[in-house]
Protein backbone atom coordinates (compact mmCIF):
# COMPACT_ATOMS: atom_id res chain seq x y z
CA UNK A 1 8.92 79.78 -81.35
CA UNK A 2 8.55 81.18 -84.17
CA UNK A 3 10.10 81.30 -88.15
CA UNK A 4 8.87 82.60 -91.11
CA UNK A 5 6.86 81.02 -92.25
CA UNK A 6 6.10 78.84 -89.31
CA UNK A 7 5.17 78.46 -86.09
CA UNK A 8 6.19 75.46 -83.48
CA UNK A 9 6.65 74.19 -79.85
CA UNK A 10 9.65 71.87 -79.16
CA UNK A 11 8.62 68.45 -76.05
CA UNK A 12 12.11 67.65 -74.81
CA UNK A 13 12.48 64.36 -72.91
CA UNK A 14 11.19 60.98 -72.29
CA UNK A 15 9.34 58.66 -73.17
CA UNK A 16 8.72 59.48 -77.06
CA UNK A 17 4.55 59.47 -76.53
CA UNK A 18 4.83 61.64 -73.54
CA UNK A 19 6.73 64.40 -75.40
CA UNK A 20 4.94 64.80 -77.95
CA UNK A 21 1.69 65.55 -76.16
CA UNK A 22 4.12 68.22 -74.37
CA UNK A 23 5.45 69.60 -78.10
CA UNK A 24 0.96 69.80 -79.20
CA UNK A 25 -0.47 70.63 -75.97
CA UNK A 26 2.06 73.46 -75.65
CA UNK A 27 1.85 74.37 -79.29
CA UNK A 28 -2.27 74.64 -78.61
CA UNK A 29 -2.32 75.72 -75.05
CA UNK A 30 -0.52 79.06 -77.55
CA UNK A 31 -2.87 79.44 -79.85
CA UNK A 32 -5.74 79.41 -77.32
CA UNK A 33 -3.98 82.34 -74.86
CA UNK A 34 -3.12 84.61 -77.42
CA UNK A 35 -4.83 83.80 -80.43
CA UNK A 36 -8.43 83.59 -78.99
CA UNK A 37 -9.39 80.91 -80.68
CA UNK A 38 -11.06 78.22 -78.54
CA UNK A 39 -10.13 75.03 -77.43
CA UNK A 40 -11.99 73.04 -80.67
CA UNK A 41 -11.07 75.48 -83.02
CA UNK A 42 -7.39 75.25 -82.24
CA UNK A 43 -8.27 71.14 -82.27
CA UNK A 44 -8.94 71.83 -86.13
CA UNK A 45 -6.17 74.35 -86.80
CA UNK A 46 -3.45 71.57 -85.89
CA UNK A 47 -5.30 68.61 -86.25
CA UNK A 48 -4.92 69.97 -90.70
CA UNK A 49 -1.39 71.41 -90.33
CA UNK A 50 0.38 69.91 -88.18
CA UNK A 51 3.72 67.40 -89.73
CA UNK A 52 5.92 66.13 -87.04
CA UNK A 53 9.50 66.48 -86.82
CA UNK A 54 11.46 63.48 -84.47
CA UNK A 55 14.36 66.27 -84.41
CA UNK A 56 16.88 63.30 -81.45
CA UNK A 57 15.81 59.77 -81.10
CA UNK A 58 19.40 59.05 -80.23
CA UNK A 59 20.43 59.71 -76.91
CA UNK A 60 19.04 59.26 -73.75
CA UNK A 61 16.06 62.38 -74.59
CA UNK A 62 13.89 61.99 -77.15
CA UNK A 63 13.03 65.17 -79.44
CA UNK A 64 10.02 66.62 -81.39
CA UNK A 65 9.32 69.11 -83.12
CA UNK A 66 5.64 70.66 -83.48
CA UNK A 67 5.54 72.86 -86.30
CA UNK A 68 2.49 75.15 -88.45
CA UNK A 69 2.74 77.29 -90.79
CA UNK A 70 1.17 80.71 -90.76
CA UNK A 71 -0.88 80.10 -93.99
CA UNK A 72 -3.21 78.58 -92.19
CA UNK A 73 -3.51 80.65 -89.45
CA UNK A 74 -7.38 82.39 -90.15
CA UNK A 75 -6.91 85.82 -91.92
CA UNK A 76 -6.43 89.07 -88.82
CA UNK A 77 -5.64 86.44 -86.35
CA UNK A 78 -2.28 86.91 -85.05
CA UNK A 79 0.12 84.64 -84.60
CA UNK A 80 1.36 83.79 -81.05
CA UNK A 81 3.81 87.08 -79.31
CA UNK A 82 6.57 84.71 -78.15
CA UNK A 83 7.73 87.31 -75.61
CA UNK A 84 3.94 87.26 -73.67
CA UNK A 85 4.59 83.25 -73.78
CA UNK A 86 7.46 83.23 -72.36
CA UNK A 87 7.24 86.54 -69.61
CA UNK A 88 10.25 87.89 -71.24
CA UNK A 89 8.23 91.28 -71.49
CA UNK A 90 9.47 94.03 -69.65
């Protein structure tokens, strides 16, 4: 998803470790596919910019948000296009 100051993915389900991995993997894939970063560049970018948020830890399913500030995206790099990513373009 996109916000004014960040892009992010959300993992939801069980177990917690799998949800954390899912949210991270999806943001990595999004950056590589839509923004043209190579795997190493995407990993470095996430490693320096992600600050996870635990959105839910009380229900049977966990929710983890994996946000990345837009301010650390390389200049001239288009932000990922959510419509393309989720296949909602007509």
